[in-house]
Structure formats: structure tokens, C-alpha cells
Amino acid sequence: MQARYKDLIRKAYGSLLYRTGLTWLAYQYRRRQVALTILAYHQMDTTTFEAHLKYLTRYFTIISLREACEMLRGEREWRPSCLVLTFDDGHYSFYRHVFPLLQKYRLPAVTFLATDFVGTGRLYWFDRVDAIIDQTRQNRLRIDGAAFHIPASNRLDVKEAIKEHLKQYPEAVKQE
């Protein structure tokens, strides 16, 4: 019975690594074909990101964006398996979950802020979807003829389905 659980955990872990792209990175590391990798994150929680950092620091040398630019310009010698960590959108989750871990591991990273949102209190359209679904008491939602069932508990799948549906609309429409 215990072997069965270990097998299930092993398969789930493998699936997680595959979906996050970490297996591709490990494969490239072993082949030594990638001299510089730039990994872009969006929102991240502490536990998941720390697991990523443990994995990444084992197989890669994490460098700053400045060092990467210097290598690309020929001002610095190329080192194998370098990786730059980037974070898009400037979410509060970066400051709350990611920044303390970067300090703990003494790792460089770059975050790109969406300046249209700084200091406005406005949310990205995809964050608004999350907030609406988290706060609604409705169990169904219809958007332009597409119907979505909203379960009482785990709402992650419906959030992703709604976001996928909304991607077809122009950015200006999604931000309304």
C-alpha cells in the first residue's frame, strides 16, 4: 500500500515539474546546450517558489540581468548554465512571497512593473476575474453565451477557464 502512495506522489511530482517547465531546464542543463536561460514568473507563493529555488540553484548559476547583458555584449566570459530570474507585473505577491526568499538565498532578480497600474488601485483584468470569482455567491456565470459553473470550494479551474475565454477579447475590452 505504501509503495502505491509513493508511486502516486512520484507521478504527481513529475507532472508538476513537467508543467512548470523545470524538466525542460534540467534536460537542457544535462545537454549543456543552454548557456543563458531567462525564466519569467508572474505570481508565486512562498512554498512553491522556495521549491523552485532549491531546484534551480542546484542546476544553474543564477545571475543578474546586468551580468547577462555583459555576457551577451562580450564584456564578461560566458559561464555554463546561467539563469536570470524575472518577475512580470509587479504584483504584491512578489514583495510578500518572493523578495524575502531572494534575500534569504542572496539571489539577484529583476521585476518589471506595469506602470499603468502603479498607485492607481486598479487591478489587471485577470486579477479582477480572480477577485470576482472568489467573492461571488453565484454558482453559474455566463459571458457572451459561454456558461461557467462555479463550485463552492475549489475555484481555480473555473478561474482559468474564464481567463482562457476572455483572452479572445482585445485588451481594452478586458480592462473595462
Protein backbone atom coordinates (compact mmCIF):
# COMPACT_ATOMS: atom_id res chain seq x y z
CA MET A 1 0.00 0.00 0.00
CA GLN A 2 2.82 2.42 0.89
CA ALA A 3 4.53 1.73 -2.45
CA ARG A 4 1.32 2.74 -4.22
CA TYR A 5 1.28 6.11 -2.44
CA LYS A 6 4.94 6.66 -3.23
CA ASP A 7 4.22 5.93 -6.88
CA LEU A 8 1.29 8.40 -6.89
CA ILE A 9 3.44 11.07 -5.26
CA ARG A 10 6.27 10.43 -7.71
CA LYS A 11 3.87 10.77 -10.67
CA ALA A 12 2.30 13.95 -9.27
CA TYR A 13 5.74 15.46 -8.65
CA GLY A 14 6.86 14.55 -12.16
CA SER A 15 3.71 16.09 -13.61
CA LEU A 16 4.29 19.29 -11.62
CA LEU A 17 7.89 19.53 -12.82
CA TYR A 18 6.79 18.97 -16.41
CA ARG A 19 4.03 21.61 -16.28
CA THR A 20 6.32 24.24 -14.76
CA GLY A 21 9.00 23.68 -17.39
CA LEU A 22 11.60 22.58 -14.88
CA THR A 23 12.10 19.22 -16.58
CA TRP A 24 12.97 21.05 -19.82
CA LEU A 25 15.51 23.13 -17.92
CA ALA A 26 17.04 20.04 -16.34
CA TYR A 27 17.23 18.35 -19.74
CA GLN A 28 18.95 21.37 -21.26
CA TYR A 29 21.31 21.55 -18.29
CA ARG A 30 22.37 17.95 -18.80
CA ARG A 31 22.90 18.57 -22.51
CA ARG A 32 24.70 21.86 -21.75
CA GLN A 33 23.09 23.48 -24.78
CA VAL A 34 21.61 26.44 -22.98
CA ALA A 35 24.24 28.95 -21.96
CA LEU A 36 21.75 31.52 -20.72
CA THR A 37 18.16 30.95 -19.64
CA ILE A 38 15.77 33.72 -18.67
CA LEU A 39 12.93 32.43 -16.55
CA ALA A 40 9.82 34.63 -16.26
CA TYR A 41 7.45 34.31 -13.34
CA HIS A 42 4.18 36.04 -12.57
CA GLN A 43 2.51 35.45 -9.23
CA MET A 44 4.17 32.98 -6.89
CA ASP A 45 3.55 31.64 -3.42
CA THR A 46 6.34 31.12 -0.88
CA THR A 47 6.31 27.32 -0.72
CA THR A 48 6.29 26.75 -4.47
CA PHE A 49 8.90 29.40 -5.17
CA GLU A 50 11.24 28.10 -2.48
CA ALA A 51 10.98 24.62 -4.01
CA HIS A 52 11.81 26.15 -7.40
CA LEU A 53 14.80 27.99 -5.94
CA LYS A 54 16.19 24.84 -4.36
CA TYR A 55 15.92 23.07 -7.69
CA LEU A 56 17.25 25.95 -9.78
CA THR A 57 20.24 26.71 -7.55
CA ARG A 58 21.20 23.05 -7.74
CA TYR A 59 21.45 23.06 -11.54
CA PHE A 60 22.05 26.69 -12.53
CA THR A 61 24.13 29.70 -11.65
CA ILE A 62 21.60 32.46 -11.06
CA ILE A 63 22.97 35.76 -12.30
CA SER A 64 21.70 39.32 -12.54
CA LEU A 65 20.27 40.79 -15.71
CA ARG A 66 23.28 43.12 -15.80
CA GLU A 67 25.67 40.14 -15.81
CA ALA A 68 23.65 38.51 -18.59
CA CYS A 69 23.83 41.68 -20.69
CA GLU A 70 27.57 41.90 -20.11
CA MET A 71 27.97 38.29 -21.25
CA LEU A 72 25.87 38.96 -24.36
CA ARG A 73 27.96 42.05 -25.19
CA GLY A 74 31.17 40.08 -24.74
CA GLU A 75 32.25 42.11 -21.70
CA ARG A 76 32.12 39.09 -19.42
CA GLU A 77 33.15 35.49 -20.01
CA TRP A 78 30.35 33.03 -20.68
CA ARG A 79 29.66 30.58 -17.91
CA PRO A 80 27.65 27.43 -18.50
CA SER A 81 24.08 27.11 -17.29
CA CYS A 82 23.38 30.69 -16.25
CA LEU A 83 19.86 31.70 -15.38
CA VAL A 84 18.19 35.09 -14.88
CA LEU A 85 15.06 35.28 -12.74
CA THR A 86 12.44 37.80 -13.87
CA PHE A 87 9.03 38.66 -12.46
CA ASP A 88 6.34 40.35 -14.50
CA ASP A 89 3.63 42.79 -13.49
CA GLY A 90 4.94 43.89 -10.08
CA HIS A 91 2.34 42.05 -8.03
CA TYR A 92 2.30 42.49 -4.27
CA SER A 93 2.93 38.74 -4.07
CA PHE A 94 6.46 39.45 -5.32
CA TYR A 95 7.19 41.63 -2.31
CA ARG A 96 5.38 39.37 0.12
CA HIS A 97 6.48 35.90 -1.05
CA VAL A 98 9.40 36.18 -3.46
CA PHE A 99 11.56 39.04 -2.23
CA PRO A 100 12.22 37.52 1.23
CA LEU A 101 13.36 34.29 -0.42
CA LEU A 102 15.63 36.12 -2.84
CA GLN A 103 17.19 37.84 0.17
CA LYS A 104 17.47 34.55 2.09
CA TYR A 105 19.28 32.84 -0.79
CA ARG A 106 21.13 36.04 -1.80
CA LEU A 107 19.92 35.80 -5.38
CA PRO A 108 19.52 38.57 -7.95
CA ALA A 109 16.30 39.05 -9.87
CA VAL A 110 14.52 41.70 -11.86
CA THR A 111 10.89 42.70 -11.60
CA PHE A 112 9.05 44.52 -14.34
CA LEU A 113 6.31 46.87 -13.19
CA ALA A 114 3.23 47.61 -15.24
CA THR A 115 3.44 51.35 -14.78
CA ASP A 116 -0.15 51.99 -15.86
CA PHE A 117 -1.28 50.35 -12.62
CA VAL A 118 1.22 51.74 -10.11
CA GLY A 119 -0.54 53.79 -7.44
CA THR A 120 -3.96 53.54 -9.09
CA GLY A 121 -5.55 50.79 -7.04
CA ARG A 122 -6.71 49.22 -10.32
CA LEU A 123 -6.30 45.50 -10.90
CA TYR A 124 -5.23 43.65 -14.02
CA TRP A 125 -8.17 42.03 -15.78
CA PHE A 126 -7.03 38.55 -14.75
CA ASP A 127 -6.75 39.63 -11.10
CA ARG A 128 -10.26 41.07 -11.33
CA VAL A 129 -11.51 37.69 -12.57
CA ASP A 130 -9.91 36.04 -9.52
CA ALA A 131 -11.45 38.59 -7.14
CA ILE A 132 -14.91 38.32 -8.70
CA ILE A 133 -14.93 34.52 -8.60
CA ASP A 134 -13.55 34.46 -5.04
CA GLN A 135 -16.25 36.83 -3.81
CA THR A 136 -19.30 35.67 -5.75
CA ARG A 137 -22.05 33.64 -4.18
CA GLN A 138 -23.42 32.68 -7.58
CA ASN A 139 -22.89 29.15 -8.81
CA ARG A 140 -23.13 29.98 -12.52
CA LEU A 141 -21.73 32.72 -14.72
CA ARG A 142 -22.49 33.46 -18.36
CA ILE A 143 -20.15 35.53 -20.55
CA ASP A 144 -21.25 36.15 -24.14
CA GLY A 145 -23.06 32.84 -24.35
CA ALA A 146 -20.38 30.79 -22.58
CA ALA A 147 -21.62 29.28 -19.32
CA PHE A 148 -19.34 28.58 -16.37
CA HIS A 149 -20.23 26.53 -13.30
CA ILE A 150 -18.69 27.99 -10.14
CA PRO A 151 -18.15 25.34 -7.46
CA ALA A 152 -18.41 26.25 -3.80
CA SER A 153 -14.87 25.17 -2.92
CA ASN A 154 -12.01 24.81 -5.43
CA ARG A 155 -12.50 27.61 -7.94
CA LEU A 156 -9.09 27.56 -9.60
CA ASP A 157 -10.24 25.61 -12.66
CA VAL A 158 -13.17 27.92 -13.37
CA LYS A 159 -10.93 30.98 -12.97
CA GLU A 160 -8.53 29.57 -15.54
CA ALA A 161 -11.39 28.66 -17.90
CA ILE A 162 -12.84 32.17 -17.70
CA LYS A 163 -9.43 33.76 -18.29
CA GLU A 164 -8.86 31.50 -21.27
CA HIS A 165 -12.27 32.51 -22.66
CA LEU A 166 -11.54 36.21 -22.14
CA LYS A 167 -8.18 36.06 -23.92
CA GLN A 168 -10.01 36.28 -27.24
CA TYR A 169 -11.11 39.84 -26.47
CA PRO A 170 -8.99 42.94 -27.10
CA GLU A 171 -7.01 44.21 -24.10
CA ALA A 172 -9.11 47.38 -23.84
CA VAL A 173 -12.29 45.31 -23.50
CA LYS A 174 -10.77 43.09 -20.81
CA GLN A 175 -9.65 46.10 -18.77
CA GLU A 176 -13.15 47.66 -18.72
